[in-house]
Amino acid sequence: MGSAPRTVLVVEDDEHNRLLLETLLADDGLAATMVADGAAALAAVAARLPDLVILDILLPGGMDGFEVVRRLKADPRTQPIPIIILTALLDLESRIAGLQAGAEEFLCKPVDRIELTTRVRNLLKLKEYQDFLAEHNRILEERVLERTASLAASDEHFRAVTQTADAAIVTADAAGTIIGWNAGAERMFGYTGAEVIGQALTLLIPERYRERHLGGMQRVLAGGERHVIGKSVELHGMTKRGNEFPLELSLSEWETAQGRFFTGIIRDITERKQAQDALLSQLDELRRWEDVGLGREDRVQELKREINELCRRLDEPARYPSEEPAPAQSQAAKPKP
């Protein structure tokens, strides 16, 4: 029997869109669970963790898609689940809010089938490796003193997934020496495995961050607080050419009879950062134009008041009607004959 299909939770209140997404996912061999609001989405995740979530922003029931994303990413149990926001909202603020809430992708309706399936496949492949790495670490903790045939098969799977993953996967020992390097890391940093195996991790870290990195390693090895391990953080890396680039790092720690090791899953987020910066720049530009428009309107009103004051001094009727409410006429006042 084949393995069970990967599961996708779709949160969409429009029935037509739900049917469309269910068909697209089924064509790709995925099992979809359909819900129509945020509360139902959280209940479905609590009942069974999906491999991926696709959700709209505008949802009935008082909980929008942004809140669903924030709650899922705030829970360590559901934080690793990749989320794709699929919405008809096209404004810049919605895009920025979705990414800042923690969503991995933001797509607009009407959905393009090829783009959706490509994004889903890439995120599921990375999720598969993250799930495997967590399970692998659990097995190593339980069987640190034995190397069974089952663990050997698991290691083989580990290497196969590592080498085929799009993300860079780098493993280092407790001394900070690189001992594992996949094809994704070679593409991202420009070094071959032969060039980096045995080298210090600081080779990949910009110089201004190296002292902080070494201090963090010493703190962890001494049993101190872990600031990065077990989380997804945004940092900077350095390529073989000396170019810096933004990256997202998910770091795990594991231990065997041979010692303590650290494995990082690294994604180049240059395009995401460029998109966020472009959106923020456009939003700032729109706000500046809005401020300029409001300033001009205030000046126009001021000029109208000045002209009306000159007319009053010349005993001429006002040129522009006053926008302030006229004082109420006293009941004792009588019209002139």
C-alpha atoms as a PDB file:
ATOM      1  CA  MET A   1       0.000   0.000   0.000  1.00  0.00           C
ATOM      2  CA  GLY A   2       1.164   3.527  -0.744  1.00  0.00           C
ATOM      3  CA  SER A   3       1.652   6.168   1.904  1.00  0.00           C
ATOM      4  CA  ALA A   4      -1.316   8.296   2.973  1.00  0.00           C
ATOM      5  CA  PRO A   5      -1.750  11.509   0.964  1.00  0.00           C
ATOM      6  CA  ARG A   6      -0.622  14.804   2.455  1.00  0.00           C
ATOM      7  CA  THR A   7      -3.476  16.777   4.019  1.00  0.00           C
ATOM      8  CA  VAL A   8      -4.437  20.389   3.330  1.00  0.00           C
ATOM      9  CA  LEU A   9      -6.900  22.415   5.404  1.00  0.00           C
ATOM     10  CA  VAL A  10      -8.843  24.912   3.250  1.00  0.00           C
ATOM     11  CA  VAL A  11     -10.549  27.790   5.096  1.00  0.00           C
ATOM     12  CA  GLU A  12     -12.915  29.444   2.611  1.00  0.00           C
ATOM     13  CA  ASP A  13     -16.502  30.645   3.103  1.00  0.00           C
ATOM     14  CA  ASP A  14     -17.404  30.702  -0.604  1.00  0.00           C
ATOM     15  CA  GLU A  15     -18.740  27.291  -1.682  1.00  0.00           C
ATOM     16  CA  HIS A  16     -17.683  27.711  -5.319  1.00  0.00           C
ATOM     17  CA  ASN A  17     -14.110  28.505  -4.297  1.00  0.00           C
ATOM     18  CA  ARG A  18     -14.054  25.536  -1.906  1.00  0.00           C
ATOM     19  CA  LEU A  19     -15.083  23.151  -4.681  1.00  0.00           C
ATOM     20  CA  LEU A  20     -12.486  24.643  -7.037  1.00  0.00           C
ATOM     21  CA  LEU A  21      -9.661  24.297  -4.494  1.00  0.00           C
ATOM     22  CA  GLU A  22     -10.739  20.774  -3.545  1.00  0.00           C
ATOM     23  CA  THR A  23     -10.597  19.738  -7.209  1.00  0.00           C
ATOM     24  CA  LEU A  24      -7.167  21.342  -7.786  1.00  0.00           C
ATOM     25  CA  LEU A  25      -5.699  19.692  -4.684  1.00  0.00           C
ATOM     26  CA  ALA A  26      -7.235  16.290  -5.479  1.00  0.00           C
ATOM     27  CA  ASP A  27      -5.717  16.438  -8.962  1.00  0.00           C
ATOM     28  CA  ASP A  28      -2.351  16.818  -7.263  1.00  0.00           C
ATOM     29  CA  GLY A  29      -2.913  13.787  -5.026  1.00  0.00           C
ATOM     30  CA  LEU A  30      -3.687  15.773  -1.869  1.00  0.00           C
ATOM     31  CA  ALA A  31      -6.502  15.223   0.631  1.00  0.00           C
ATOM     32  CA  ALA A  32      -8.377  18.425   1.464  1.00  0.00           C
ATOM     33  CA  THR A  33     -10.472  19.243   4.525  1.00  0.00           C
ATOM     34  CA  MET A  34     -12.929  22.111   3.992  1.00  0.00           C
ATOM     35  CA  VAL A  35     -14.164  24.592   6.632  1.00  0.00           C
ATOM     36  CA  ALA A  36     -15.882  27.962   6.261  1.00  0.00           C
ATOM     37  CA  ASP A  37     -14.747  30.126   9.201  1.00  0.00           C
ATOM     38  CA  GLY A  38     -11.872  30.798  11.600  1.00  0.00           C
ATOM     39  CA  ALA A  39     -13.300  28.987  14.625  1.00  0.00           C
ATOM     40  CA  ALA A  40     -13.918  25.856  12.557  1.00  0.00           C
ATOM     41  CA  ALA A  41     -10.359  26.095  11.219  1.00  0.00           C
ATOM     42  CA  LEU A  42      -8.834  26.125  14.718  1.00  0.00           C
ATOM     43  CA  ALA A  43     -11.068  23.218  15.756  1.00  0.00           C
ATOM     44  CA  ALA A  44     -10.025  21.189  12.698  1.00  0.00           C
ATOM     45  CA  VAL A  45      -6.329  21.805  13.404  1.00  0.00           C
ATOM     46  CA  ALA A  46      -6.783  20.809  17.057  1.00  0.00           C
ATOM     47  CA  ALA A  47      -8.435  17.567  15.964  1.00  0.00           C
ATOM     48  CA  ARG A  48      -5.785  16.694  13.369  1.00  0.00           C
ATOM     49  CA  LEU A  49      -2.693  18.631  12.325  1.00  0.00           C
ATOM     50  CA  PRO A  50      -2.717  19.281   8.561  1.00  0.00           C
ATOM     51  CA  ASP A  51       0.441  19.453   6.475  1.00  0.00           C
ATOM     52  CA  LEU A  52      -0.550  22.845   5.042  1.00  0.00           C
ATOM     53  CA  VAL A  53      -3.271  25.500   5.457  1.00  0.00           C
ATOM     54  CA  ILE A  54      -4.840  27.607   2.695  1.00  0.00           C
ATOM     55  CA  LEU A  55      -7.143  30.332   3.991  1.00  0.00           C
ATOM     56  CA  ASP A  56      -8.997  33.468   3.008  1.00  0.00           C
ATOM     57  CA  ILE A  57      -8.724  36.719   4.989  1.00  0.00           C
ATOM     58  CA  LEU A  58     -12.377  37.740   4.974  1.00  0.00           C
ATOM     59  CA  LEU A  59     -14.181  35.080   7.000  1.00  0.00           C
ATOM     60  CA  PRO A  60     -17.537  35.038   8.812  1.00  0.00           C
ATOM     61  CA  GLY A  61     -17.925  34.555  12.554  1.00  0.00           C
ATOM     62  CA  GLY A  62     -15.834  37.445  13.880  1.00  0.00           C
ATOM     63  CA  MET A  63     -12.376  35.928  13.328  1.00  0.00           C
ATOM     64  CA  ASP A  64     -10.554  36.909  10.143  1.00  0.00           C
ATOM     65  CA  GLY A  65      -7.713  35.097   8.428  1.00  0.00           C
ATOM     66  CA  PHE A  66      -5.020  37.275  10.024  1.00  0.00           C
ATOM     67  CA  GLU A  67      -6.128  36.188  13.507  1.00  0.00           C
ATOM     68  CA  VAL A  68      -6.158  32.528  12.459  1.00  0.00           C
ATOM     69  CA  VAL A  69      -2.555  32.859  11.203  1.00  0.00           C
ATOM     70  CA  ARG A  70      -1.424  34.611  14.392  1.00  0.00           C
ATOM     71  CA  ARG A  71      -2.946  31.930  16.630  1.00  0.00           C
ATOM     72  CA  LEU A  72      -1.457  29.054  14.636  1.00  0.00           C
ATOM     73  CA  LYS A  73       2.010  30.622  14.584  1.00  0.00           C
ATOM     74  CA  ALA A  74       1.857  31.438  18.325  1.00  0.00           C
ATOM     75  CA  ASP A  75       1.289  27.770  19.244  1.00  0.00           C
ATOM     76  CA  PRO A  76       4.511  25.672  19.188  1.00  0.00           C
ATOM     77  CA  ARG A  77       2.447  22.645  18.137  1.00  0.00           C
ATOM     78  CA  THR A  78       1.088  24.351  15.008  1.00  0.00           C
ATOM     79  CA  GLN A  79       3.848  26.894  14.296  1.00  0.00           C
ATOM     80  CA  PRO A  80       5.666  24.660  11.744  1.00  0.00           C
ATOM     81  CA  ILE A  81       2.535  24.264   9.565  1.00  0.00           C
ATOM     82  CA  PRO A  82       3.040  26.340   6.379  1.00  0.00           C
ATOM     83  CA  ILE A  83       0.209  28.765   5.566  1.00  0.00           C
ATOM     84  CA  ILE A  84      -0.850  30.205   2.209  1.00  0.00           C
ATOM     85  CA  ILE A  85      -3.178  33.201   2.285  1.00  0.00           C
ATOM     86  CA  LEU A  86      -5.475  33.143  -0.766  1.00  0.00           C
ATOM     87  CA  THR A  87      -7.662  36.234  -0.935  1.00  0.00           C
ATOM     88  CA  ALA A  88      -9.338  38.759  -3.190  1.00  0.00           C
ATOM     89  CA  LEU A  89      -7.829  41.633  -1.175  1.00  0.00           C
ATOM     90  CA  LEU A  90      -5.250  43.392  -3.312  1.00  0.00           C
ATOM     91  CA  ASP A  91      -4.262  46.361  -1.112  1.00  0.00           C
ATOM     92  CA  LEU A  92      -0.712  46.727   0.139  1.00  0.00           C
ATOM     93  CA  GLU A  93      -1.633  46.785   3.804  1.00  0.00           C
ATOM     94  CA  SER A  94      -3.351  43.384   3.579  1.00  0.00           C
ATOM     95  CA  ARG A  95      -0.303  41.825   1.893  1.00  0.00           C
ATOM     96  CA  ILE A  96       2.043  43.236   4.528  1.00  0.00           C
ATOM     97  CA  ALA A  97      -0.264  42.222   7.379  1.00  0.00           C
ATOM     98  CA  GLY A  98      -0.481  38.659   6.069  1.00  0.00           C
ATOM     99  CA  LEU A  99       3.280  38.244   5.816  1.00  0.00           C
ATOM    100  CA  GLN A 100       3.901  39.892   9.182  1.00  0.00           C
ATOM    101  CA  ALA A 101       1.333  37.604  10.824  1.00  0.00           C
ATOM    102  CA  GLY A 102       3.522  34.658   9.777  1.00  0.00           C
ATOM    103  CA  ALA A 103       2.055  33.348   6.518  1.00  0.00           C
ATOM    104  CA  GLU A 104       4.645  31.797   4.205  1.00  0.00           C
ATOM    105  CA  GLU A 105       2.876  32.804   0.968  1.00  0.00           C
ATOM    106  CA  PHE A 106       0.264  35.367  -0.153  1.00  0.00           C
ATOM    107  CA  LEU A 107      -1.709  34.661  -3.349  1.00  0.00           C
ATOM    108  CA  CYS A 108      -4.535  36.655  -4.913  1.00  0.00           C
ATOM    109  CA  LYS A 109      -7.826  35.483  -6.381  1.00  0.00           C
ATOM    110  CA  PRO A 110      -8.633  34.391  -8.992  1.00  0.00           C
ATOM    111  CA  VAL A 111      -6.084  31.696  -8.309  1.00  0.00           C
ATOM    112  CA  ASP A 112      -3.652  30.588 -10.998  1.00  0.00           C
ATOM    113  CA  ARG A 113      -3.583  26.780 -10.965  1.00  0.00           C
ATOM    114  CA  ILE A 114       0.095  26.376 -11.847  1.00  0.00           C
ATOM    115  CA  GLU A 115       1.244  28.973  -9.322  1.00  0.00           C
ATOM    116  CA  LEU A 116      -0.896  27.500  -6.537  1.00  0.00           C
ATOM    117  CA  THR A 117       0.210  23.890  -7.111  1.00  0.00           C
ATOM    118  CA  THR A 118       3.877  24.940  -7.364  1.00  0.00           C
ATOM    119  CA  ARG A 119       3.744  26.872  -4.084  1.00  0.00           C
ATOM    120  CA  VAL A 120       1.899  24.007  -2.375  1.00  0.00           C
ATOM    121  CA  ARG A 121       4.415  21.393  -3.565  1.00  0.00           C
ATOM    122  CA  ASN A 122       7.440  23.478  -2.460  1.00  0.00           C
ATOM    123  CA  LEU A 123       6.016  24.153   1.001  1.00  0.00           C
ATOM    124  CA  LEU A 124       4.981  20.521   1.493  1.00  0.00           C
ATOM    125  CA  LYS A 125       8.431  19.301   0.524  1.00  0.00           C
ATOM    126  CA  LEU A 126      10.051  21.590   3.093  1.00  0.00           C
ATOM    127  CA  LYS A 127       7.434  20.583   5.677  1.00  0.00           C
ATOM    128  CA  GLU A 128       8.186  16.916   4.956  1.00  0.00           C
ATOM    129  CA  TYR A 129      11.835  17.477   5.778  1.00  0.00           C
ATOM    130  CA  GLN A 130      11.032  19.432   8.951  1.00  0.00           C
ATOM    131  CA  ASP A 131       8.693  16.668  10.113  1.00  0.00           C
ATOM    132  CA  PHE A 132      11.299  14.061   9.354  1.00  0.00           C
ATOM    133  CA  LEU A 133      14.039  15.973  11.172  1.00  0.00           C
ATOM    134  CA  ALA A 134      11.873  16.287  14.302  1.00  0.00           C
ATOM    135  CA  GLU A 135      11.087  12.581  14.233  1.00  0.00           C
ATOM    136  CA  HIS A 136      14.712  11.757  13.539  1.00  0.00           C
ATOM    137  CA  ASN A 137      15.845  13.753  16.571  1.00  0.00           C
ATOM    138  CA  ARG A 138      13.294  11.937  18.739  1.00  0.00           C
ATOM    139  CA  ILE A 139      14.631   8.576  17.610  1.00  0.00           C
ATOM    140  CA  LEU A 140      18.229   9.630  18.255  1.00  0.00           C
ATOM    141  CA  GLU A 141      17.376  10.721  21.805  1.00  0.00           C
ATOM    142  CA  GLU A 142      15.719   7.368  22.557  1.00  0.00           C
ATOM    143  CA  ARG A 143      18.364   5.199  20.908  1.00  0.00           C
ATOM    144  CA  VAL A 144      21.537   7.155  21.456  1.00  0.00           C
ATOM    145  CA  LEU A 145      23.436   3.988  22.576  1.00  0.00           C
ATOM    146  CA  GLU A 146      22.347   1.711  19.736  1.00  0.00           C
ATOM    147  CA  ARG A 147      22.567   1.835  15.977  1.00  0.00           C
ATOM    148  CA  THR A 148      19.817  -0.434  14.736  1.00  0.00           C
ATOM    149  CA  ALA A 149      18.956  -1.366  11.171  1.00  0.00           C
ATOM    150  CA  SER A 150      15.861   0.759  11.461  1.00  0.00           C
ATOM    151  CA  LEU A 151      17.959   3.812  12.336  1.00  0.00           C
ATOM    152  CA  ALA A 152      20.302   3.070   9.450  1.00  0.00           C
ATOM    153  CA  ALA A 153      17.309   3.106   7.063  1.00  0.00           C
ATOM    154  CA  SER A 154      16.156   6.340   8.643  1.00  0.00           C
ATOM    155  CA  ASP A 155      19.604   7.861   8.114  1.00  0.00           C
ATOM    156  CA  GLU A 156      19.475   6.852   4.463  1.00  0.00           C
ATOM    157  CA  HIS A 157      16.103   8.564   4.134  1.00  0.00           C
ATOM    158  CA  PHE A 158      17.550  11.592   5.920  1.00  0.00           C
ATOM    159  CA  ARG A 159      20.364  11.890   3.406  1.00  0.00           C
ATOM    160  CA  ALA A 160      18.042  11.405   0.443  1.00  0.00           C
ATOM    161  CA  VAL A 161      15.625  14.098   1.626  1.00  0.00           C
ATOM    162  CA  THR A 162      18.514  16.402   2.533  1.00  0.00           C
ATOM    163  CA  GLN A 163      20.078  16.209  -0.903  1.00  0.00           C
ATOM    164  CA  THR A 164      16.801  16.754  -2.772  1.00  0.00           C
ATOM    165  CA  ALA A 165      15.464  19.607  -0.626  1.00  0.00           C
ATOM    166  CA  ASP A 166      15.312  23.083  -2.181  1.00  0.00           C
ATOM    167  CA  ALA A 167      16.374  24.659   1.129  1.00  0.00           C
ATOM    168  CA  ALA A 168      19.974  24.753   2.313  1.00  0.00           C
ATOM    169  CA  ILE A 169      20.579  22.188   5.082  1.00  0.00           C
ATOM    170  CA  VAL A 170      23.760  22.580   7.106  1.00  0.00           C
ATOM    171  CA  THR A 171      24.905  20.470  10.059  1.00  0.00           C
ATOM    172  CA  ALA A 172      27.676  21.410  12.492  1.00  0.00           C
ATOM    173  CA  ASP A 173      29.208  19.758  15.540  1.00  0.00           C
ATOM    174  CA  ALA A 174      29.584  21.259  19.014  1.00  0.00           C
ATOM    175  CA  ALA A 175      32.839  22.946  17.977  1.00  0.00           C
ATOM    176  CA  GLY A 176      31.021  24.882  15.268  1.00  0.00           C
ATOM    177  CA  THR A 177      32.621  22.862  12.463  1.00  0.00           C
ATOM    178  CA  ILE A 178      30.574  22.092   9.347  1.00  0.00           C
ATOM    179  CA  ILE A 179      30.029  18.335   8.926  1.00  0.00           C
ATOM    180  CA  GLY A 180      26.919  18.261   6.699  1.00  0.00           C
ATOM    181  CA  TRP A 181      26.255  20.199   3.497  1.00  0.00           C
ATOM    182  CA  ASN A 182      23.512  19.554   0.936  1.00  0.00           C
ATOM    183  CA  ALA A 183      23.031  20.600  -2.697  1.00  0.00           C
ATOM    184  CA  GLY A 184      20.692  23.409  -1.642  1.00  0.00           C
ATOM    185  CA  ALA A 185      23.447  24.898   0.527  1.00  0.00           C
ATOM    186  CA  GLU A 186      25.882  24.662  -2.382  1.00  0.00           C
ATOM    187  CA  ARG A 187      23.477  26.614  -4.615  1.00  0.00           C
ATOM    188  CA  MET A 188      22.732  29.197  -1.936  1.00  0.00           C
ATOM    189  CA  PHE A 189      26.238  29.925  -0.632  1.00  0.00           C
ATOM    190  CA  GLY A 190      28.355  28.968  -3.662  1.00  0.00           C
ATOM    191  CA  TYR A 191      30.663  26.549  -1.837  1.00  0.00           C
ATOM    192  CA  THR A 192      30.987  22.871  -2.732  1.00  0.00           C
ATOM    193  CA  GLY A 193      30.852  20.282   0.032  1.00  0.00           C
ATOM    194  CA  ALA A 194      34.573  19.651  -0.348  1.00  0.00           C
ATOM    195  CA  GLU A 195      35.273  23.345   0.263  1.00  0.00           C
ATOM    196  CA  VAL A 196      33.261  23.713   3.478  1.00  0.00           C
ATOM    197  CA  ILE A 197      33.292  20.331   5.256  1.00  0.00           C
ATOM    198  CA  GLY A 198      35.672  20.778   8.171  1.00  0.00           C
ATOM    199  CA  GLN A 199      35.475  24.586   8.019  1.00  0.00           C
ATOM    200  CA  ALA A 200      34.027  26.804  10.765  1.00  0.00           C
ATOM    201  CA  LEU A 201      30.404  27.945  10.515  1.00  0.00           C
ATOM    202  CA  THR A 202      31.646  31.526  10.718  1.00  0.00           C
ATOM    203  CA  LEU A 203      32.618  31.131   7.049  1.00  0.00           C
ATOM    204  CA  LEU A 204      28.922  31.629   6.241  1.00  0.00           C
ATOM    205  CA  ILE A 205      28.295  34.451   8.736  1.00  0.00           C
ATOM    206  CA  PRO A 206      28.963  38.166   8.062  1.00  0.00           C
ATOM    207  CA  GLU A 207      31.857  39.406  10.184  1.00  0.00           C
ATOM    208  CA  ARG A 208      29.756  41.802  12.283  1.00  0.00           C
ATOM    209  CA  TYR A 209      27.647  38.838  13.551  1.00  0.00           C
ATOM    210  CA  ARG A 210      30.440  36.355  14.267  1.00  0.00           C
ATOM    211  CA  GLU A 211      31.175  37.431  17.846  1.00  0.00           C
ATOM    212  CA  ARG A 212      27.483  37.149  18.749  1.00  0.00           C
ATOM    213  CA  HIS A 213      27.341  33.688  17.119  1.00  0.00           C
ATOM    214  CA  LEU A 214      30.357  32.411  19.045  1.00  0.00           C
ATOM    215  CA  GLY A 215      28.937  33.787  22.294  1.00  0.00           C
ATOM    216  CA  GLY A 216      25.641  32.033  21.623  1.00  0.00           C
ATOM    217  CA  MET A 217      27.398  28.710  20.965  1.00  0.00           C
ATOM    218  CA  GLN A 218      29.294  28.980  24.253  1.00  0.00           C
ATOM    219  CA  ARG A 219      26.087  29.813  26.139  1.00  0.00           C
ATOM    220  CA  VAL A 220      24.222  26.791  24.703  1.00  0.00           C
ATOM    221  CA  LEU A 221      27.093  24.370  25.312  1.00  0.00           C
ATOM    222  CA  ALA A 222      27.256  25.609  28.909  1.00  0.00           C
ATOM    223  CA  GLY A 223      23.567  24.783  29.376  1.00  0.00           C
ATOM    224  CA  GLY A 224      22.327  28.348  29.068  1.00  0.00           C
ATOM    225  CA  GLU A 225      19.205  29.737  27.437  1.00  0.00           C
ATOM    226  CA  ARG A 226      18.537  28.887  23.786  1.00  0.00           C
ATOM    227  CA  HIS A 227      17.617  32.016  21.829  1.00  0.00           C
ATOM    228  CA  VAL A 228      17.474  30.539  18.318  1.00  0.00           C
ATOM    229  CA  ILE A 229      17.158  26.757  18.655  1.00  0.00           C
ATOM    230  CA  GLY A 230      13.658  25.488  17.998  1.00  0.00           C
ATOM    231  CA  LYS A 231      12.519  28.712  16.354  1.00  0.00           C
ATOM    232  CA  SER A 232      12.423  30.293  12.905  1.00  0.00           C
ATOM    233  CA  VAL A 233      14.471  33.493  12.843  1.00  0.00           C
ATOM    234  CA  GLU A 234      15.580  35.949  10.184  1.00  0.00           C
ATOM    235  CA  LEU A 235      19.331  36.545   9.920  1.00  0.00           C
ATOM    236  CA  HIS A 236      21.949  37.310   7.242  1.00  0.00           C
ATOM    237  CA  GLY A 237      24.326  34.950   5.478  1.00  0.00           C
ATOM    238  CA  MET A 238      27.427  35.490   3.346  1.00  0.00           C
ATOM    239  CA  THR A 239      28.176  33.771   0.042  1.00  0.00           C
ATOM    240  CA  LYS A 240      31.519  32.615  -1.303  1.00  0.00           C
ATOM    241  CA  ARG A 241      31.722  35.889  -3.258  1.00  0.00           C
ATOM    242  CA  GLY A 242      31.337  37.861  -0.040  1.00  0.00           C
ATOM    243  CA  ASN A 243      27.775  38.994  -0.753  1.00  0.00           C
ATOM    244  CA  GLU A 244      25.344  39.245   2.140  1.00  0.00           C
ATOM    245  CA  PHE A 245      21.728  38.116   1.798  1.00  0.00           C
ATOM    246  CA  PRO A 246      18.747  37.790   4.167  1.00  0.00           C
ATOM    247  CA  LEU A 247      17.797  34.288   5.230  1.00  0.00           C
ATOM    248  CA  GLU A 248      15.323  32.437   7.415  1.00  0.00           C
ATOM    249  CA  LEU A 249      16.880  29.864   9.743  1.00  0.00           C
ATOM    250  CA  SER A 250      15.152  26.980  11.527  1.00  0.00           C
ATOM    251  CA  LEU A 251      17.719  25.464  13.885  1.00  0.00           C
ATOM    252  CA  SER A 252      17.491  22.164  15.754  1.00  0.00           C
ATOM    253  CA  GLU A 253      19.823  20.563  18.300  1.00  0.00           C
ATOM    254  CA  TRP A 254      20.412  16.816  18.631  1.00  0.00           C
ATOM    255  CA  GLU A 255      22.764  14.536  20.481  1.00  0.00           C
ATOM    256  CA  THR A 256      24.206  11.064  19.938  1.00  0.00           C
ATOM    257  CA  ALA A 257      26.915   8.977  21.555  1.00  0.00           C
ATOM    258  CA  GLN A 258      29.343  10.867  19.336  1.00  0.00           C
ATOM    259  CA  GLY A 259      28.381  14.258  20.769  1.00  0.00           C
ATOM    260  CA  ARG A 260      26.066  17.215  20.227  1.00  0.00           C
ATOM    261  CA  PHE A 261      25.120  18.488  16.778  1.00  0.00           C
ATOM    262  CA  PHE A 262      23.141  21.328  15.248  1.00  0.00           C
ATOM    263  CA  THR A 263      21.227  21.254  11.963  1.00  0.00           C
ATOM    264  CA  GLY A 264      19.854  24.354  10.261  1.00  0.00           C
ATOM    265  CA  ILE A 265      17.273  24.577   7.495  1.00  0.00           C
ATOM    266  CA  ILE A 266      17.973  27.803   5.621  1.00  0.00           C
ATOM    267  CA  ARG A 267      15.779  29.618   3.094  1.00  0.00           C
ATOM    268  CA  ASP A 268      16.946  32.583   1.029  1.00  0.00           C
ATOM    269  CA  ILE A 269      14.287  35.277   1.648  1.00  0.00           C
ATOM    270  CA  THR A 270      15.802  37.947  -0.598  1.00  0.00           C
ATOM    271  CA  GLU A 271      12.744  38.040  -2.875  1.00  0.00           C
ATOM    272  CA  ARG A 272      10.361  38.154   0.084  1.00  0.00           C
ATOM    273  CA  LYS A 273      12.296  41.053   1.656  1.00  0.00           C
ATOM    274  CA  GLN A 274      12.438  42.909  -1.642  1.00  0.00           C
ATOM    275  CA  ALA A 275       8.683  42.466  -2.055  1.00  0.00           C
ATOM    276  CA  GLN A 276       8.032  43.671   1.504  1.00  0.00           C
ATOM    277  CA  ASP A 277      10.338  46.675   1.036  1.00  0.00           C
ATOM    278  CA  ALA A 278       8.639  47.545  -2.257  1.00  0.00           C
ATOM    279  CA  LEU A 279       5.200  47.306  -0.672  1.00  0.00           C
ATOM    280  CA  LEU A 280       6.252  49.430   2.299  1.00  0.00           C
ATOM    281  CA  SER A 281       7.834  51.996  -0.023  1.00  0.00           C
ATOM    282  CA  GLN A 282       4.659  52.220  -2.087  1.00  0.00           C
ATOM    283  CA  LEU A 283       2.577  52.532   1.063  1.00  0.00           C
ATOM    284  CA  ASP A 284       4.805  55.350   2.378  1.00  0.00           C
ATOM    285  CA  GLU A 285       4.524  57.125  -0.980  1.00  0.00           C
ATOM    286  CA  LEU A 286       0.725  56.889  -0.900  1.00  0.00           C
ATOM    287  CA  ARG A 287       0.669  58.248   2.635  1.00  0.00           C
ATOM    288  CA  ARG A 288       2.921  61.167   1.639  1.00  0.00           C
ATOM    289  CA  TRP A 289       0.586  62.041  -1.214  1.00  0.00           C
ATOM    290  CA  GLU A 290      -2.347  61.822   1.182  1.00  0.00           C
ATOM    291  CA  ASP A 291      -0.608  64.225   3.592  1.00  0.00           C
ATOM    292  CA  VAL A 292       0.157  66.640   0.731  1.00  0.00           C
ATOM    293  CA  GLY A 293      -3.481  66.572  -0.379  1.00  0.00           C
ATOM    294  CA  LEU A 294      -4.730  67.295   3.124  1.00  0.00           C
ATOM    295  CA  GLY A 295      -2.262  70.184   3.461  1.00  0.00           C
ATOM    296  CA  ARG A 296      -3.440  71.748   0.210  1.00  0.00           C
ATOM    297  CA  GLU A 297      -7.090  71.491   1.254  1.00  0.00           C
ATOM    298  CA  ASP A 298      -6.323  73.278   4.536  1.00  0.00           C
ATOM    299  CA  ARG A 299      -4.570  76.102   2.647  1.00  0.00           C
ATOM    300  CA  VAL A 300      -7.524  76.486   0.247  1.00  0.00           C
ATOM    301  CA  GLN A 301      -9.926  76.862   3.159  1.00  0.00           C
ATOM    302  CA  GLU A 302      -7.604  79.399   4.790  1.00  0.00           C
ATOM    303  CA  LEU A 303      -7.510  81.499   1.598  1.00  0.00           C
ATOM    304  CA  LYS A 304     -11.304  81.420   1.339  1.00  0.00           C
ATOM    305  CA  ARG A 305     -11.592  82.769   4.879  1.00  0.00           C
ATOM    306  CA  GLU A 306      -9.113  85.552   4.124  1.00  0.00           C
ATOM    307  CA  ILE A 307     -11.049  86.588   0.991  1.00  0.00           C
ATOM    308  CA  ASN A 308     -14.326  86.626   2.932  1.00  0.00           C
ATOM    309  CA  GLU A 309     -12.716  88.831   5.601  1.00  0.00           C
ATOM    310  CA  LEU A 310     -11.558  91.331   2.942  1.00  0.00           C
ATOM    311  CA  CYS A 311     -15.081  91.414   1.484  1.00  0.00           C
ATOM    312  CA  ARG A 312     -16.510  92.117   4.934  1.00  0.00           C
ATOM    313  CA  ARG A 313     -14.163  95.054   5.414  1.00  0.00           C
ATOM    314  CA  LEU A 314     -15.226  96.439   2.031  1.00  0.00           C
ATOM    315  CA  ASP A 315     -18.914  95.959   2.929  1.00  0.00           C
ATOM    316  CA  GLU A 316     -19.277  93.436   0.146  1.00  0.00           C
ATOM    317  CA  PRO A 317     -21.050  90.068   0.411  1.00  0.00           C
ATOM    318  CA  ALA A 318     -18.864  87.063   1.179  1.00  0.00           C
ATOM    319  CA  ARG A 319     -17.542  85.261  -1.887  1.00  0.00           C
ATOM    320  CA  TYR A 320     -17.579  81.814  -0.259  1.00  0.00           C
ATOM    321  CA  PRO A 321     -20.152  80.282   2.075  1.00  0.00           C
ATOM    322  CA  SER A 322     -18.924  79.634   5.574  1.00  0.00           C
ATOM    323  CA  GLU A 323     -18.418  75.949   6.456  1.00  0.00           C
ATOM    324  CA  GLU A 324     -18.943  76.735  10.130  1.00  0.00           C
ATOM    325  CA  PRO A 325     -22.507  76.436  11.490  1.00  0.00           C
ATOM    326  CA  ALA A 326     -24.288  79.804  11.765  1.00  0.00           C
ATOM    327  CA  PRO A 327     -25.221  80.899  15.314  1.00  0.00           C
ATOM    328  CA  ALA A 328     -28.870  80.328  16.228  1.00  0.00           C
ATOM    329  CA  GLN A 329     -31.073  83.479  15.992  1.00  0.00           C
ATOM    330  CA  SER A 330     -32.312  84.758  19.341  1.00  0.00           C
ATOM    331  CA  GLN A 331     -36.025  84.309  19.919  1.00  0.00           C
ATOM    332  CA  ALA A 332     -36.234  87.957  21.056  1.00  0.00           C
ATOM    333  CA  ALA A 333     -34.788  89.255  17.799  1.00  0.00           C
ATOM    334  CA  LYS A 334     -37.294  90.731  15.380  1.00  0.00           C
ATOM    335  CA  PRO A 335     -36.895  91.319  11.678  1.00  0.00           C
ATOM    336  CA  LYS A 336     -36.248  94.904  10.614  1.00  0.00           C
ATOM    337  CA  PRO A 337     -39.190  96.700   8.980  1.00  0.00           C
END
